């Protein structure tokens, strides 16, 4: 499965558009991570736990999108866009959405 943010795959021709596909992940962040991140905000530095959670959520969203494209018979997903949103009371949930167009290549 070819995954790209570009509208086409260089050197390949799109023969069929299968439809728009999505992958969504909503991830909760726990108290210990929040506490550690707040300390990092005070003393400076990066929050490794939040970064790890973001990487994991993005990967899961991309995998889900890819699996949905495979079920449609696609060879690639083009025009991929990834969006991030904070949800829930106090911003305790992270939503990552990956979307793109599933296509069949010639």
N, C-alpha and C. Protein backbone atom coordinates (compact mmCIF):
# COMPACT_ATOMS: atom_id res chain seq x y z
N UNK A 1 0.85 -1.18 0.00
CA UNK A 1 0.00 0.00 0.00
C UNK A 1 0.90 1.24 0.00
N UNK A 2 0.70 2.08 -1.00
CA UNK A 2 1.43 3.33 -1.09
C UNK A 2 0.60 4.41 -0.39
N UNK A 3 1.21 5.11 0.54
CA UNK A 3 0.55 6.19 1.26
C UNK A 3 1.32 7.48 1.00
N UNK A 4 0.61 8.51 0.50
CA UNK A 4 1.30 9.76 0.16
C UNK A 4 0.40 10.97 0.38
N UNK A 5 1.03 12.08 0.71
CA UNK A 5 0.30 13.33 0.85
C UNK A 5 0.10 14.02 -0.49
N UNK A 6 0.78 13.56 -1.51
CA UNK A 6 0.66 14.16 -2.84
C UNK A 6 -0.62 13.67 -3.52
N UNK A 7 -1.12 14.39 -4.53
CA UNK A 7 -2.36 13.99 -5.19
C UNK A 7 -2.20 12.86 -6.20
N UNK A 8 -0.96 12.42 -6.41
CA UNK A 8 -0.71 11.35 -7.37
C UNK A 8 0.51 10.56 -6.90
N UNK A 9 0.77 9.45 -7.60
CA UNK A 9 1.96 8.65 -7.33
C UNK A 9 2.86 8.78 -8.55
N UNK A 10 4.02 9.36 -8.36
CA UNK A 10 4.91 9.62 -9.48
C UNK A 10 5.24 8.33 -10.23
N UNK A 11 5.12 8.40 -11.55
CA UNK A 11 5.42 7.25 -12.39
C UNK A 11 4.29 6.25 -12.51
N UNK A 12 3.17 6.50 -11.83
CA UNK A 12 2.02 5.58 -11.87
C UNK A 12 0.78 6.38 -12.27
N UNK A 13 -0.14 5.70 -12.90
CA UNK A 13 -1.39 6.32 -13.32
C UNK A 13 -2.53 5.81 -12.44
N UNK A 14 -3.36 6.72 -11.97
CA UNK A 14 -4.54 6.33 -11.21
C UNK A 14 -5.59 5.87 -12.20
N UNK A 15 -6.02 4.62 -12.06
CA UNK A 15 -7.01 4.07 -12.99
C UNK A 15 -8.43 4.10 -12.42
N UNK A 16 -8.54 4.20 -11.10
CA UNK A 16 -9.87 4.18 -10.49
C UNK A 16 -9.80 4.82 -9.11
N UNK A 17 -10.80 5.64 -8.82
CA UNK A 17 -10.94 6.24 -7.50
C UNK A 17 -11.93 5.40 -6.71
N UNK A 18 -11.49 4.90 -5.57
CA UNK A 18 -12.31 4.01 -4.75
C UNK A 18 -13.12 4.75 -3.69
N UNK A 19 -12.70 5.95 -3.37
CA UNK A 19 -13.44 6.74 -2.38
C UNK A 19 -12.52 7.28 -1.29
N UNK A 20 -13.09 8.14 -0.48
CA UNK A 20 -12.36 8.73 0.64
C UNK A 20 -12.34 7.75 1.79
N UNK A 21 -11.17 7.59 2.41
CA UNK A 21 -11.03 6.69 3.55
C UNK A 21 -10.50 7.48 4.74
N UNK A 22 -10.88 7.01 5.92
CA UNK A 22 -10.50 7.68 7.16
C UNK A 22 -9.93 6.67 8.15
N UNK A 23 -9.13 7.16 9.04
CA UNK A 23 -8.69 6.42 10.21
C UNK A 23 -8.76 7.37 11.38
N UNK A 24 -9.48 6.96 12.43
CA UNK A 24 -9.64 7.84 13.58
C UNK A 24 -9.19 7.12 14.85
N UNK A 25 -8.51 7.86 15.70
CA UNK A 25 -8.07 7.33 16.99
C UNK A 25 -8.34 8.41 18.03
N UNK A 26 -8.97 8.01 19.13
CA UNK A 26 -9.14 8.90 20.27
C UNK A 26 -8.40 8.27 21.43
N UNK A 27 -7.48 9.03 21.97
CA UNK A 27 -6.60 8.51 23.01
C UNK A 27 -6.72 9.36 24.26
N UNK A 28 -6.89 8.71 25.40
CA UNK A 28 -6.94 9.42 26.68
C UNK A 28 -5.55 9.61 27.23
N UNK A 29 -5.37 10.66 27.96
CA UNK A 29 -4.09 10.94 28.60
C UNK A 29 -4.31 10.85 30.10
N UNK A 30 -3.44 10.12 30.78
CA UNK A 30 -3.68 9.89 32.20
C UNK A 30 -3.05 10.93 33.11
N UNK A 31 -3.43 10.88 34.37
CA UNK A 31 -3.01 11.87 35.37
C UNK A 31 -1.49 11.93 35.51
N UNK A 32 -0.82 10.80 35.56
CA UNK A 32 0.64 10.78 35.76
C UNK A 32 1.33 11.48 34.60
N UNK A 33 0.87 11.21 33.38
CA UNK A 33 1.45 11.89 32.21
C UNK A 33 1.21 13.39 32.28
N UNK A 34 -0.02 13.78 32.66
CA UNK A 34 -0.34 15.20 32.78
C UNK A 34 0.56 15.87 33.81
N UNK A 35 0.75 15.21 34.94
CA UNK A 35 1.58 15.76 36.00
C UNK A 35 3.03 15.93 35.53
N UNK A 36 3.56 14.88 34.89
CA UNK A 36 4.94 14.94 34.38
C UNK A 36 5.08 16.04 33.33
N UNK A 37 4.08 16.18 32.47
CA UNK A 37 4.13 17.22 31.43
C UNK A 37 4.07 18.61 32.05
N UNK A 38 3.28 18.78 33.12
CA UNK A 38 3.19 20.09 33.76
C UNK A 38 4.53 20.48 34.38
N UNK A 39 5.24 19.50 34.93
CA UNK A 39 6.59 19.77 35.47
C UNK A 39 7.51 20.19 34.34
N UNK A 40 7.43 19.50 33.19
CA UNK A 40 8.26 19.86 32.03
C UNK A 40 7.97 21.29 31.58
N UNK A 41 6.67 21.69 31.64
CA UNK A 41 6.32 23.05 31.25
C UNK A 41 6.99 24.08 32.15
N UNK A 42 7.13 23.74 33.43
CA UNK A 42 7.74 24.66 34.39
C UNK A 42 9.25 24.72 34.20
N UNK A 43 9.90 23.56 34.10
CA UNK A 43 11.37 23.52 34.04
C UNK A 43 11.91 23.52 32.62
N UNK A 44 11.06 23.34 31.65
CA UNK A 44 11.49 23.32 30.26
C UNK A 44 11.77 21.91 29.79
N UNK A 45 11.88 21.75 28.50
CA UNK A 45 12.16 20.44 27.92
C UNK A 45 10.95 19.87 27.22
N UNK A 46 11.17 18.72 26.62
CA UNK A 46 10.13 18.06 25.84
C UNK A 46 9.42 17.03 26.71
N UNK A 47 8.17 16.80 26.40
CA UNK A 47 7.39 15.79 27.11
C UNK A 47 7.40 14.51 26.30
N UNK A 48 8.31 13.61 26.64
CA UNK A 48 8.44 12.34 25.92
C UNK A 48 7.19 11.50 25.97
N UNK A 49 6.47 11.52 27.08
CA UNK A 49 5.26 10.69 27.19
C UNK A 49 4.17 11.18 26.24
N UNK A 50 4.02 12.52 26.13
CA UNK A 50 3.03 13.05 25.19
C UNK A 50 3.47 12.80 23.74
N UNK A 51 4.74 12.96 23.46
CA UNK A 51 5.24 12.71 22.12
C UNK A 51 5.02 11.25 21.73
N UNK A 52 5.30 10.34 22.65
CA UNK A 52 5.08 8.92 22.37
C UNK A 52 3.62 8.62 22.10
N UNK A 53 2.73 9.24 22.87
CA UNK A 53 1.29 9.04 22.68
C UNK A 53 0.84 9.59 21.33
N UNK A 54 1.38 10.73 20.93
CA UNK A 54 1.04 11.33 19.65
C UNK A 54 1.52 10.46 18.49
N UNK A 55 2.74 9.95 18.57
CA UNK A 55 3.28 9.08 17.54
C UNK A 55 2.45 7.80 17.42
N UNK A 56 2.10 7.22 18.56
CA UNK A 56 1.29 6.00 18.57
C UNK A 56 -0.09 6.23 17.96
N UNK A 57 -0.75 7.33 18.33
CA UNK A 57 -2.08 7.63 17.80
C UNK A 57 -2.03 7.89 16.30
N UNK A 58 -1.02 8.62 15.85
CA UNK A 58 -0.89 8.90 14.41
C UNK A 58 -0.67 7.61 13.62
N UNK A 59 0.18 6.74 14.12
CA UNK A 59 0.44 5.46 13.47
C UNK A 59 -0.82 4.60 13.40
N UNK A 60 -1.58 4.56 14.48
CA UNK A 60 -2.82 3.78 14.50
C UNK A 60 -3.83 4.34 13.51
N UNK A 61 -3.95 5.66 13.42
CA UNK A 61 -4.89 6.28 12.48
C UNK A 61 -4.48 5.97 11.04
N UNK A 62 -3.19 6.05 10.74
CA UNK A 62 -2.72 5.73 9.39
C UNK A 62 -2.97 4.25 9.06
N UNK A 63 -2.71 3.36 10.00
CA UNK A 63 -2.95 1.94 9.77
C UNK A 63 -4.42 1.65 9.53
N UNK A 64 -5.29 2.28 10.31
CA UNK A 64 -6.73 2.08 10.14
C UNK A 64 -7.19 2.57 8.77
N UNK A 65 -6.69 3.73 8.35
CA UNK A 65 -7.03 4.27 7.04
C UNK A 65 -6.56 3.32 5.94
N UNK A 66 -5.35 2.82 6.06
CA UNK A 66 -4.79 1.89 5.08
C UNK A 66 -5.61 0.61 4.99
N UNK A 67 -6.00 0.06 6.14
CA UNK A 67 -6.82 -1.16 6.16
C UNK A 67 -8.16 -0.95 5.46
N UNK A 68 -8.76 0.21 5.66
CA UNK A 68 -10.04 0.51 4.99
C UNK A 68 -9.84 0.62 3.48
N UNK A 69 -8.71 1.18 3.05
CA UNK A 69 -8.41 1.28 1.62
C UNK A 69 -8.22 -0.11 1.02
N UNK A 70 -7.55 -1.00 1.73
CA UNK A 70 -7.35 -2.38 1.26
C UNK A 70 -8.70 -3.07 1.06
N UNK A 71 -9.61 -2.87 1.99
CA UNK A 71 -10.96 -3.49 1.88
C UNK A 71 -11.72 -2.99 0.65
N UNK A 72 -11.37 -1.78 0.17
CA UNK A 72 -12.00 -1.25 -1.04
C UNK A 72 -11.29 -1.72 -2.31
N UNK A 73 -10.18 -2.44 -2.15
CA UNK A 73 -9.42 -2.91 -3.31
C UNK A 73 -8.42 -1.90 -3.83
N UNK A 74 -8.01 -0.96 -3.01
CA UNK A 74 -7.09 0.10 -3.44
C UNK A 74 -5.64 -0.37 -3.36
N UNK A 75 -4.80 0.26 -4.18
CA UNK A 75 -3.35 0.05 -4.17
C UNK A 75 -2.62 1.15 -3.42
N UNK A 76 -3.30 2.31 -3.28
CA UNK A 76 -2.65 3.47 -2.69
C UNK A 76 -3.70 4.39 -2.07
N UNK A 77 -3.22 5.26 -1.19
CA UNK A 77 -4.05 6.35 -0.67
C UNK A 77 -3.28 7.63 -0.96
N UNK A 78 -3.91 8.54 -1.71
CA UNK A 78 -3.27 9.79 -2.09
C UNK A 78 -3.94 10.96 -1.37
N UNK A 79 -3.24 12.08 -1.33
CA UNK A 79 -3.80 13.29 -0.73
C UNK A 79 -4.05 13.16 0.76
N UNK A 80 -3.20 12.44 1.44
CA UNK A 80 -3.42 12.19 2.87
C UNK A 80 -3.27 13.48 3.67
N UNK A 81 -4.19 13.65 4.61
CA UNK A 81 -4.17 14.77 5.54
C UNK A 81 -4.33 14.20 6.94
N UNK A 82 -3.57 14.72 7.88
CA UNK A 82 -3.66 14.28 9.27
C UNK A 82 -4.07 15.48 10.11
N UNK A 83 -5.12 15.28 10.91
CA UNK A 83 -5.62 16.35 11.78
C UNK A 83 -5.54 15.90 13.23
N UNK A 84 -5.29 16.86 14.10
CA UNK A 84 -5.20 16.62 15.54
C UNK A 84 -6.21 17.51 16.23
N UNK A 85 -6.87 16.98 17.24
CA UNK A 85 -7.87 17.75 17.99
C UNK A 85 -7.82 17.31 19.44
N UNK A 86 -7.99 18.26 20.34
CA UNK A 86 -8.07 17.96 21.77
C UNK A 86 -9.54 17.97 22.13
N UNK A 87 -9.99 16.92 22.81
CA UNK A 87 -11.40 16.77 23.16
C UNK A 87 -11.57 16.56 24.66
N UNK A 88 -12.80 16.59 25.08
CA UNK A 88 -13.13 16.25 26.46
C UNK A 88 -12.94 17.39 27.42
N UNK A 89 -13.50 17.19 28.60
CA UNK A 89 -13.40 18.19 29.65
C UNK A 89 -11.94 18.36 30.06
N UNK A 90 -11.45 19.55 30.01
CA UNK A 90 -10.06 19.82 30.36
C UNK A 90 -9.07 19.36 29.31
N UNK A 91 -9.54 19.00 28.13
CA UNK A 91 -8.64 18.59 27.05
C UNK A 91 -7.91 17.30 27.33
N UNK A 92 -8.58 16.35 27.99
CA UNK A 92 -7.95 15.10 28.37
C UNK A 92 -7.91 14.03 27.31
N UNK A 93 -8.46 14.30 26.14
CA UNK A 93 -8.49 13.31 25.07
C UNK A 93 -7.85 13.91 23.81
N UNK A 94 -7.11 13.08 23.12
CA UNK A 94 -6.47 13.48 21.87
C UNK A 94 -7.09 12.69 20.73
N UNK A 95 -7.59 13.39 19.71
CA UNK A 95 -8.13 12.71 18.54
C UNK A 95 -7.21 12.98 17.36
N UNK A 96 -6.83 11.90 16.67
CA UNK A 96 -6.03 12.00 15.47
C UNK A 96 -6.83 11.37 14.34
N UNK A 97 -7.00 12.12 13.26
CA UNK A 97 -7.74 11.64 12.10
C UNK A 97 -6.84 11.70 10.87
N UNK A 98 -6.74 10.59 10.16
CA UNK A 98 -6.02 10.53 8.90
C UNK A 98 -7.06 10.29 7.80
N UNK A 99 -6.97 11.06 6.72
CA UNK A 99 -7.92 10.87 5.62
C UNK A 99 -7.18 11.01 4.30
N UNK A 100 -7.72 10.38 3.29
CA UNK A 100 -7.15 10.44 1.96
C UNK A 100 -8.06 9.76 0.96
N UNK A 101 -7.66 9.73 -0.28
CA UNK A 101 -8.44 9.10 -1.34
C UNK A 101 -7.82 7.77 -1.70
N UNK A 102 -8.61 6.71 -1.56
CA UNK A 102 -8.16 5.37 -1.94
C UNK A 102 -8.25 5.25 -3.46
N UNK A 103 -7.18 4.77 -4.07
CA UNK A 103 -7.14 4.66 -5.54
C UNK A 103 -6.57 3.32 -5.97
N UNK A 104 -6.94 2.93 -7.18
CA UNK A 104 -6.37 1.77 -7.84
C UNK A 104 -5.38 2.30 -8.87
N UNK A 105 -4.18 1.74 -8.89
CA UNK A 105 -3.15 2.17 -9.84
C UNK A 105 -3.08 1.25 -11.04
N UNK A 106 -2.78 1.85 -12.21
CA UNK A 106 -2.65 1.07 -13.43
C UNK A 106 -1.29 0.40 -13.47
